[in-house]
Amino acid sequence: MDGERPAGQDAPSPGLATPSGGDGPRVERLAPSRPQPPPPSWDADADGPGSPRGSVRPPDTTGTHDPAELPARGRRGVAGSLVAALVGAALGTAGTLAVVRTSPSFQGGGNVSAPVVEVTGSGTANVVQAVAEAVTPSVVRIDIVERRRDPANPTDVVEEAVGNGSGVIYRSDGYILTNNHVVADADRVRVRLATGERLDAQVVGTDPLSDLAVIKVERTGLPAIVVRMDPPVAVGEIAVAIGSPFGLDTTVTAGVVSATNRNIDVPDAANQQTLVIPNVFQTDAAINPGNSGGALVDGNGRLIGINTAIFSASGGSEGVGFAIPALQAVDVADELIDQGFVRHALLGITGFDLTAAAAEQLGVDAEGAVVDTVQPGTGADAAGLRSDDIVIALEGKPVRSMTELVVALRQFDPGDTVGLTVLRDGERLEVSVELGERPR
């Protein structure tokens, strides 16, 4: 079919877009539960944290596990009520469905692609059921396991599952795509395939800035998910989420793509800051703690996003979930597989949004990002940027906030030269900056 490719091949970089905003409920990651203190207040940084919009703090969730995997001592129950549903959507009666394999299955662990659902006729019927059947084998549960001394017998080492997330089989030779916050700082990672088989996994690489990671199991011939290349994802399309919320394996929920091109601020408690994840999809398909790293697929079963966060007042699903676009995710995955890390450009400033009050204080009538500090030895320093400069455009495209500047810079690589339009003491300046590389 047009507009698809087996996972693991090169993909173009996605476009970047304008932010969403608003106070009220908080954006929460769907990470395995590991006790973390709430992040302190932060300064906006054009190369990392974005300016806060309301209360943003880590989720209050409880880790889940399969009790059969653990010793009798130290088992931890699942908090809250566990509700799972396989959502089937009958979207009309006309037409027929066919599940077709897009590439052959080779013996000996060759390239195996998951089936793609092909709809024929004038309508659709049981689309979600067919998509679930096709895609579920390509989604895994990821358990985070910690090893500790047995308090009752200090000479023994026991394992305890402290949380779970989800992952998507990216390549048939064992590479699995998930969220950074699922596996960051994990003592041990274990994967459970849709068949029920458990495998130990190694972390190949993580990228906190994009909140993506790749892990690997020693297995070949796995059904790699098919990545949608085109057309662009549109609002109103069928969206099916598959993952392991609360440790409930292969849970399927369905809805639509509610919005595209959202920018969200999420907590990074480990570094005591927030990060901006750009250009995410919003969906009303129910996602909950444990869905992180799982698949969001279209009505053909092609990957369109990696589920990563919810917008919630309660800590659970309220019909506002977010997924990192698949094209963005696979670009990061390819870099992690090839070199174990991702290179990000560094401008070298911290700053804040030009609010109405700040604009009045500075005596300007504009929107933009106000430079607070300039890091010595960076491209911004070499280009002569100063405190109180107001960045109003990058490469000729308007910049209306610090978050927009963060997002716009993500499309560039270290060593690129970018043009900034700056207001300084009421004068408009054009400044060229050679971007550095963000420290890893």
Protein backbone atom coordinates (compact mmCIF):
# COMPACT_ATOMS: atom_id res chain seq x y z
CA MET A 1 0.00 0.00 0.00
CA ASP A 2 1.11 3.58 -0.62
CA GLY A 3 2.28 5.58 2.34
CA GLU A 4 3.81 2.84 4.48
CA ARG A 5 7.10 1.16 5.14
CA PRO A 6 8.36 -1.63 7.33
CA ALA A 7 9.77 -0.21 10.52
CA GLY A 8 13.51 0.34 10.70
CA GLN A 9 13.99 2.15 7.37
CA ASP A 10 14.88 5.83 7.05
CA ALA A 11 12.04 8.34 7.39
CA PRO A 12 11.87 12.08 6.76
CA SER A 13 11.82 14.49 9.70
CA PRO A 14 8.36 15.75 10.61
CA GLY A 15 7.35 19.37 10.54
CA LEU A 16 7.07 21.38 13.72
CA ALA A 17 4.04 23.37 14.76
CA THR A 18 2.48 25.78 17.23
CA PRO A 19 1.90 25.08 20.90
CA SER A 20 -1.22 24.32 22.81
CA GLY A 21 -1.67 26.03 26.14
CA GLY A 22 -3.94 26.61 29.06
CA ASP A 23 -4.02 26.11 32.78
CA GLY A 24 -5.99 23.48 34.65
CA PRO A 25 -5.34 19.73 34.60
CA ARG A 26 -1.77 18.57 34.46
CA VAL A 27 0.15 16.78 31.76
CA GLU A 28 1.36 13.49 33.20
CA ARG A 29 3.78 10.94 31.89
CA LEU A 30 2.59 7.36 32.03
CA ALA A 31 5.78 6.00 33.53
CA PRO A 32 6.27 2.98 35.72
CA SER A 33 6.00 4.05 39.31
CA ARG A 34 9.32 4.99 40.86
CA PRO A 35 9.00 7.42 43.77
CA GLN A 36 10.18 10.84 42.65
CA PRO A 37 10.00 14.27 44.32
CA PRO A 38 8.02 16.94 42.48
CA PRO A 39 10.20 19.16 40.30
CA PRO A 40 10.95 22.66 41.59
CA SER A 41 10.18 25.78 39.64
CA TRP A 42 12.30 26.28 36.55
CA ASP A 43 13.58 28.83 34.12
CA ALA A 44 12.72 28.45 30.47
CA ASP A 45 15.66 27.32 28.38
CA ALA A 46 15.63 27.52 24.63
CA ASP A 47 17.53 24.24 24.42
CA GLY A 48 15.56 22.20 26.91
CA PRO A 49 12.91 23.28 29.39
CA GLY A 50 9.93 25.25 28.17
CA SER A 51 8.05 27.88 30.11
CA PRO A 52 5.42 26.37 32.42
CA ARG A 53 1.72 26.65 31.74
CA GLY A 54 -0.08 25.64 34.90
CA SER A 55 0.77 22.85 37.31
CA VAL A 56 2.90 20.12 35.78
CA ARG A 57 4.06 17.28 37.98
CA PRO A 58 4.83 13.57 37.78
CA PRO A 59 1.96 11.11 37.81
CA ASP A 60 0.79 9.53 41.03
CA THR A 61 0.68 5.92 39.87
CA THR A 62 1.48 2.52 41.28
CA GLY A 63 3.78 0.01 39.64
CA THR A 64 2.24 -3.20 38.42
CA HIS A 65 3.58 -6.63 37.75
CA ASP A 66 2.77 -10.20 37.07
CA PRO A 67 2.79 -11.86 40.53
CA ALA A 68 3.78 -15.18 38.96
CA GLU A 69 7.18 -13.70 38.13
CA LEU A 70 8.02 -12.72 41.71
CA PRO A 71 8.89 -14.53 44.95
CA ALA A 72 6.24 -14.79 47.63
CA ARG A 73 7.79 -12.02 49.73
CA GLY A 74 7.70 -8.39 48.64
CA ARG A 75 4.79 -8.57 46.22
CA ARG A 76 3.15 -5.25 45.51
CA GLY A 77 -0.52 -5.03 44.61
CA VAL A 78 -2.06 -2.90 41.88
CA ALA A 79 -3.53 0.31 43.27
CA GLY A 80 -6.99 1.40 42.28
CA SER A 81 -9.60 -0.44 40.30
CA LEU A 82 -8.37 -2.23 37.21
CA VAL A 83 -10.65 -1.82 34.27
CA ALA A 84 -9.79 -3.37 30.92
CA ALA A 85 -11.84 -3.52 27.79
CA LEU A 86 -11.32 -4.72 24.28
CA VAL A 87 -13.05 -2.02 22.30
CA GLY A 88 -14.55 -3.14 19.04
CA ALA A 89 -16.01 -0.49 16.77
CA ALA A 90 -18.62 -1.46 14.25
CA LEU A 91 -18.46 1.48 11.90
CA GLY A 92 -21.08 0.46 9.38
CA THR A 93 -22.04 -2.73 7.65
CA ALA A 94 -21.14 -2.12 4.03
CA GLY A 95 -17.84 -3.24 2.62
CA THR A 96 -15.48 -6.05 3.49
CA LEU A 97 -12.20 -6.34 5.38
CA ALA A 98 -9.10 -8.14 4.32
CA VAL A 99 -5.90 -8.54 6.32
CA VAL A 100 -2.95 -8.63 3.97
CA ARG A 101 0.74 -9.15 4.72
CA THR A 102 2.90 -6.42 3.24
CA SER A 103 6.11 -8.42 3.07
CA PRO A 104 6.89 -12.13 3.21
CA SER A 105 7.94 -13.97 6.35
CA PHE A 106 11.44 -15.32 5.87
CA GLN A 107 12.69 -18.34 7.74
CA GLY A 108 15.63 -17.74 10.05
CA GLY A 109 14.55 -14.34 11.34
CA GLY A 110 14.33 -12.26 8.19
CA ASN A 111 12.30 -9.08 7.83
CA VAL A 112 8.79 -9.86 9.04
CA SER A 113 6.18 -7.11 8.88
CA ALA A 114 2.94 -7.10 10.81
CA PRO A 115 -0.20 -7.47 8.67
CA VAL A 116 -1.95 -4.36 7.40
CA VAL A 117 -5.74 -4.12 7.36
CA GLU A 118 -7.08 -3.30 3.92
CA VAL A 119 -10.67 -2.09 3.69
CA THR A 120 -12.58 -2.59 0.46
CA GLY A 121 -16.10 -1.66 -0.55
CA SER A 122 -18.16 1.39 0.28
CA GLY A 123 -17.87 1.22 4.05
CA THR A 124 -16.12 -0.45 6.95
CA ALA A 125 -17.06 -3.13 9.43
CA ASN A 126 -15.33 -4.20 12.64
CA VAL A 127 -12.25 -2.17 11.76
CA VAL A 128 -10.91 -2.05 15.31
CA GLN A 129 -11.26 -5.79 15.73
CA ALA A 130 -9.26 -6.42 12.57
CA VAL A 131 -6.63 -3.84 13.53
CA ALA A 132 -6.24 -5.38 16.99
CA GLU A 133 -5.77 -8.84 15.51
CA ALA A 134 -3.15 -7.55 13.09
CA VAL A 135 -1.14 -5.30 15.42
CA THR A 136 -1.28 -6.90 18.88
CA PRO A 137 1.62 -9.32 18.14
CA SER A 138 3.84 -6.26 17.49
CA VAL A 139 3.23 -4.69 20.92
CA VAL A 140 4.98 -5.86 24.09
CA ARG A 141 4.79 -5.28 27.82
CA ILE A 142 7.93 -3.93 29.48
CA ASP A 143 8.50 -4.72 33.15
CA ILE A 144 10.97 -2.73 35.22
CA VAL A 145 12.64 -5.08 37.70
CA GLU A 146 14.79 -4.15 40.67
CA ARG A 147 17.12 -6.51 42.51
CA ARG A 148 17.57 -6.21 46.25
CA ARG A 149 18.66 -8.17 49.29
CA ASP A 150 15.93 -10.23 50.90
CA PRO A 151 15.29 -8.62 54.31
CA ALA A 152 14.41 -12.02 55.75
CA ASN A 153 17.56 -13.65 54.39
CA PRO A 154 20.26 -11.08 53.52
CA THR A 155 22.33 -13.68 51.66
CA ASP A 156 19.59 -14.01 49.04
CA VAL A 157 18.90 -11.56 46.21
CA VAL A 158 15.28 -11.22 45.15
CA GLU A 159 13.70 -9.45 42.21
CA GLU A 160 10.77 -7.09 42.44
CA ALA A 161 8.83 -5.60 39.55
CA VAL A 162 8.36 -1.94 40.41
CA GLY A 163 6.40 -0.83 37.36
CA ASN A 164 5.53 -1.53 33.77
CA GLY A 165 5.18 0.16 30.43
CA SER A 166 4.72 -0.86 26.82
CA GLY A 167 6.83 -1.10 23.70
CA VAL A 168 6.53 -1.56 19.95
CA ILE A 169 8.56 -4.07 17.96
CA TYR A 170 10.49 -1.83 15.59
CA ARG A 171 12.71 -4.37 13.85
CA SER A 172 12.38 -8.10 13.40
CA ASP A 173 15.83 -8.69 14.89
CA GLY A 174 14.74 -7.70 18.38
CA TYR A 175 14.77 -3.88 18.52
CA ILE A 176 11.84 -2.42 20.47
CA LEU A 177 10.81 1.25 20.62
CA THR A 178 9.47 2.72 23.86
CA ASN A 179 9.60 5.86 26.01
CA ASN A 180 12.71 7.03 27.77
CA HIS A 181 10.76 7.50 30.99
CA VAL A 182 9.76 3.83 30.94
CA VAL A 183 13.31 2.46 31.05
CA ALA A 184 15.42 5.36 32.36
CA ASP A 185 17.62 4.22 35.24
CA ALA A 186 16.06 0.75 35.23
CA ASP A 187 18.04 -1.92 37.07
CA ARG A 188 16.73 -4.64 34.81
CA VAL A 189 14.27 -4.67 31.91
CA ARG A 190 12.12 -7.63 30.99
CA VAL A 191 9.85 -7.93 27.94
CA ARG A 192 6.73 -10.00 27.66
CA LEU A 193 5.66 -10.77 24.10
CA ALA A 194 2.02 -11.03 23.08
CA THR A 195 2.52 -14.80 23.06
CA GLY A 196 3.26 -14.66 26.80
CA GLU A 197 6.96 -15.42 26.37
CA ARG A 198 9.27 -13.46 28.71
CA LEU A 199 12.65 -12.22 27.55
CA ASP A 200 15.38 -10.16 29.22
CA ALA A 201 16.15 -6.94 27.36
CA GLN A 202 19.11 -4.58 27.14
CA VAL A 203 18.78 -0.82 26.81
CA VAL A 204 20.36 0.19 23.47
CA GLY A 205 20.01 3.93 23.95
CA THR A 206 17.81 6.62 25.48
CA ASP A 207 17.00 10.19 24.52
CA PRO A 208 15.46 12.17 27.39
CA LEU A 209 14.86 15.25 25.24
CA SER A 210 12.46 13.41 22.93
CA ASP A 211 11.37 10.94 25.65
CA LEU A 212 12.20 7.96 23.45
CA ALA A 213 14.32 4.87 23.93
CA VAL A 214 15.24 1.62 22.20
CA ILE A 215 15.71 -1.72 23.93
CA LYS A 216 16.70 -5.08 22.42
CA VAL A 217 15.89 -8.71 23.02
CA GLU A 218 17.90 -11.61 21.63
CA ARG A 219 15.29 -12.86 19.23
CA THR A 220 14.79 -12.79 15.47
CA GLY A 221 11.74 -13.16 13.28
CA LEU A 222 9.60 -10.82 15.39
CA PRO A 223 6.65 -9.09 13.67
CA ALA A 224 7.84 -5.50 13.15
CA ILE A 225 5.08 -2.93 13.10
CA VAL A 226 4.45 -1.09 9.83
CA VAL A 227 5.07 2.67 10.02
CA ARG A 228 2.74 5.03 8.20
CA MET A 229 4.71 7.34 5.93
CA ASP A 230 1.88 9.27 4.29
CA PRO A 231 -0.60 10.85 3.97
CA PRO A 232 -0.28 13.14 7.00
CA VAL A 233 -2.38 12.14 9.99
CA ALA A 234 -5.67 14.06 10.03
CA VAL A 235 -8.06 15.02 12.80
CA GLY A 236 -11.02 12.63 13.00
CA GLU A 237 -9.20 9.52 11.82
CA ILE A 238 -9.65 6.24 13.67
CA ALA A 239 -6.98 5.86 16.35
CA VAL A 240 -6.36 2.54 18.14
CA ALA A 241 -4.15 2.38 21.23
CA ILE A 242 -2.53 -0.94 22.17
CA GLY A 243 -0.46 -1.49 25.30
CA SER A 244 -0.40 -2.76 28.87
CA PRO A 245 -2.15 -0.23 31.13
CA PHE A 246 -1.81 -1.27 34.79
CA GLY A 247 -0.02 -4.40 33.55
CA LEU A 248 -3.07 -5.66 31.65
CA ASP A 249 -1.40 -7.08 28.57
CA THR A 250 -2.58 -6.40 25.02
CA THR A 251 -5.34 -4.00 26.03
CA VAL A 252 -6.97 -2.36 23.02
CA THR A 253 -8.88 0.94 23.12
CA ALA A 254 -10.17 2.99 20.26
CA GLY A 255 -11.20 6.51 19.39
CA VAL A 256 -10.12 9.18 16.96
CA VAL A 257 -7.24 11.57 16.44
CA SER A 258 -8.56 14.55 18.37
CA ALA A 259 -5.91 17.09 17.33
CA THR A 260 -2.48 17.30 15.74
CA ASN A 261 0.52 19.57 16.22
CA ARG A 262 0.27 19.98 19.98
CA ASN A 263 3.34 20.96 22.01
CA ILE A 264 3.29 19.66 25.57
CA ASP A 265 5.44 20.36 28.63
CA VAL A 266 6.20 17.21 30.64
CA PRO A 267 8.12 16.80 33.90
CA ASP A 268 11.72 15.62 33.96
CA ALA A 269 12.12 15.18 37.71
CA ALA A 270 15.52 13.53 37.32
CA ASN A 271 16.94 16.82 36.02
CA GLN A 272 14.50 19.02 37.97
CA GLN A 273 13.09 20.72 34.90
CA THR A 274 10.41 20.37 32.26
CA LEU A 275 10.84 19.33 28.67
CA VAL A 276 8.87 20.27 25.60
CA ILE A 277 7.73 17.42 23.36
CA PRO A 278 6.69 18.97 20.04
CA ASN A 279 4.11 18.19 17.43
CA VAL A 280 2.31 15.41 19.30
CA PHE A 281 -1.03 13.88 18.35
CA GLN A 282 -3.95 14.12 20.74
CA THR A 283 -6.40 11.23 20.97
CA ASP A 284 -9.49 10.28 22.93
CA ALA A 285 -8.59 6.58 22.78
CA ALA A 286 -8.23 5.67 26.46
CA ILE A 287 -4.60 5.49 27.59
CA ASN A 288 -3.51 5.04 31.19
CA PRO A 289 -0.36 4.43 33.25
CA GLY A 290 1.38 1.47 31.62
CA ASN A 291 0.39 2.51 28.09
CA SER A 292 3.59 4.56 27.80
CA GLY A 293 5.69 3.38 24.88
CA GLY A 294 2.81 1.49 23.29
CA ALA A 295 1.37 1.87 19.83
CA LEU A 296 -1.15 4.31 18.45
CA VAL A 297 -2.17 2.99 15.04
CA ASP A 298 -4.52 4.05 12.27
CA GLY A 299 -7.46 2.19 10.77
CA ASN A 300 -5.07 0.12 8.69
CA GLY A 301 -2.94 -0.92 11.65
CA ARG A 302 -0.01 1.30 10.70
CA LEU A 303 1.94 3.03 13.47
CA ILE A 304 1.16 6.74 13.74
CA GLY A 305 2.41 7.43 17.27
CA ILE A 306 4.03 6.28 20.51
CA ASN A 307 1.70 6.87 23.47
CA THR A 308 3.50 9.00 26.03
CA ALA A 309 1.33 11.24 28.23
CA ILE A 310 -2.14 12.16 29.43
CA PHE A 311 -3.74 15.47 30.33
CA SER A 312 -5.51 14.68 33.54
CA ALA A 313 -6.89 16.08 36.78
CA SER A 314 -7.27 12.63 38.33
CA GLY A 315 -4.15 10.77 37.19
CA GLY A 316 -6.18 8.48 34.92
CA SER A 317 -7.59 8.62 31.44
CA GLU A 318 -10.01 11.47 30.79
CA GLY A 319 -10.01 11.21 27.02
CA VAL A 320 -7.03 13.49 26.41
CA GLY A 321 -3.95 11.47 25.60
CA PHE A 322 -0.84 12.33 23.62
CA ALA A 323 1.37 10.32 21.28
CA ILE A 324 4.75 11.19 19.76
CA PRO A 325 4.41 11.08 15.95
CA ALA A 326 5.79 7.88 14.48
CA LEU A 327 8.02 9.62 11.93
CA GLN A 328 9.63 11.61 14.71
CA ALA A 329 9.99 8.45 16.81
CA VAL A 330 11.62 6.30 14.15
CA ASP A 331 14.15 9.01 13.30
CA VAL A 332 15.25 8.96 16.93
CA ALA A 333 15.18 5.15 17.01
CA ASP A 334 17.48 4.92 14.00
CA GLU A 335 20.04 7.22 15.64
CA LEU A 336 19.88 5.28 18.89
CA ILE A 337 20.42 1.99 17.08
CA ASP A 338 23.24 3.36 14.92
CA GLN A 339 25.19 5.26 17.59
CA GLY A 340 23.51 4.84 20.98
CA PHE A 341 22.60 8.51 21.38
CA VAL A 342 20.89 11.40 19.59
CA ARG A 343 22.61 14.68 18.73
CA HIS A 344 20.62 17.82 19.55
CA ALA A 345 21.42 21.40 18.60
CA LEU A 346 22.28 23.94 21.31
CA LEU A 347 21.56 27.66 20.99
CA GLY A 348 22.92 28.59 24.41
CA ILE A 349 20.34 30.84 26.07
CA THR A 350 17.74 30.70 28.82
CA GLY A 351 14.67 32.86 28.62
CA PHE A 352 10.95 33.33 29.11
CA ASP A 353 7.81 34.24 27.21
CA LEU A 354 7.24 37.89 26.40
CA THR A 355 4.06 38.36 28.41
CA ALA A 356 1.96 41.51 28.25
CA ALA A 357 3.46 42.65 31.56
CA ALA A 358 7.02 41.98 30.36
CA ALA A 359 6.32 43.75 27.06
CA GLU A 360 5.09 46.80 28.93
CA GLN A 361 8.15 46.78 31.17
CA LEU A 362 10.47 46.54 28.16
CA GLY A 363 8.49 49.15 26.23
CA VAL A 364 7.72 46.99 23.19
CA ASP A 365 4.61 45.87 21.37
CA ALA A 366 5.52 42.37 20.22
CA GLU A 367 5.37 38.65 20.95
CA GLY A 368 8.46 36.54 21.32
CA ALA A 369 11.04 34.95 23.60
CA VAL A 370 13.00 37.16 25.95
CA VAL A 371 16.66 36.23 26.49
CA ASP A 372 17.42 35.95 30.19
CA THR A 373 20.99 34.60 30.20
CA VAL A 374 23.54 33.69 27.54
CA GLN A 375 25.80 30.71 28.14
CA PRO A 376 29.48 31.61 27.62
CA GLY A 377 31.24 29.84 24.78
CA THR A 378 28.06 28.97 22.88
CA GLY A 379 26.87 30.08 19.46
CA ALA A 380 24.54 32.61 21.04
CA ASP A 381 27.49 34.12 22.92
CA ALA A 382 29.64 34.27 19.77
CA ALA A 383 26.78 35.92 17.86
CA GLY A 384 26.50 38.66 20.47
CA LEU A 385 23.07 37.89 21.89
CA ARG A 386 22.37 39.75 25.14
CA SER A 387 20.07 39.64 28.10
CA ASP A 388 16.71 41.31 27.32
CA ASP A 389 17.03 40.66 23.58
CA ILE A 390 13.65 39.54 22.22
CA VAL A 391 13.69 36.76 19.62
CA ILE A 392 10.69 37.29 17.35
CA ALA A 393 11.58 35.04 14.39
CA LEU A 394 13.81 32.12 13.41
CA GLU A 395 14.67 31.69 9.73
CA GLY A 396 11.95 34.21 8.93
CA LYS A 397 9.18 32.31 10.73
CA PRO A 398 7.52 34.08 13.67
CA VAL A 399 8.44 33.02 17.21
CA ARG A 400 5.72 33.98 19.68
CA SER A 401 7.01 32.31 22.85
CA MET A 402 9.94 30.46 24.38
CA THR A 403 8.17 27.18 23.73
CA GLU A 404 7.90 28.02 20.04
CA LEU A 405 11.62 28.77 19.94
CA VAL A 406 12.40 25.42 21.61
CA VAL A 407 10.25 23.59 19.07
CA ALA A 408 11.61 25.47 16.06
CA LEU A 409 15.21 24.69 17.03
CA ARG A 410 14.48 20.94 17.11
CA GLN A 411 14.50 20.76 13.31
CA PHE A 412 18.17 21.81 13.13
CA ASP A 413 21.38 19.87 13.74
CA PRO A 414 24.56 20.81 15.59
CA GLY A 415 26.74 22.89 13.25
CA ASP A 416 23.81 24.43 11.37
CA THR A 417 23.70 28.21 11.10
CA VAL A 418 20.32 29.82 11.75
CA GLY A 419 19.07 33.36 11.35
CA LEU A 420 17.34 35.04 14.29
CA THR A 421 15.30 38.21 14.12
CA VAL A 422 15.85 40.10 17.38
CA LEU A 423 14.46 43.26 18.96
CA ARG A 424 17.08 45.14 21.01
CA ASP A 425 16.32 48.52 22.56
CA GLY A 426 13.52 49.01 20.05
CA GLU A 427 15.69 48.20 17.02
CA ARG A 428 15.22 45.17 14.78
CA LEU A 429 18.40 43.13 14.20
CA GLU A 430 19.21 40.11 12.05
CA VAL A 431 21.64 37.76 13.82
CA SER A 432 23.31 34.58 12.50
CA VAL A 433 24.06 31.87 15.06
CA GLU A 434 26.05 28.67 14.58
CA LEU A 435 24.37 26.03 16.72
CA GLY A 436 26.45 23.92 19.04
CA GLU A 437 25.70 20.44 20.39
CA ARG A 438 23.70 19.89 23.52
CA PRO A 439 25.74 18.00 26.15
CA ARG A 440 24.65 14.39 26.66
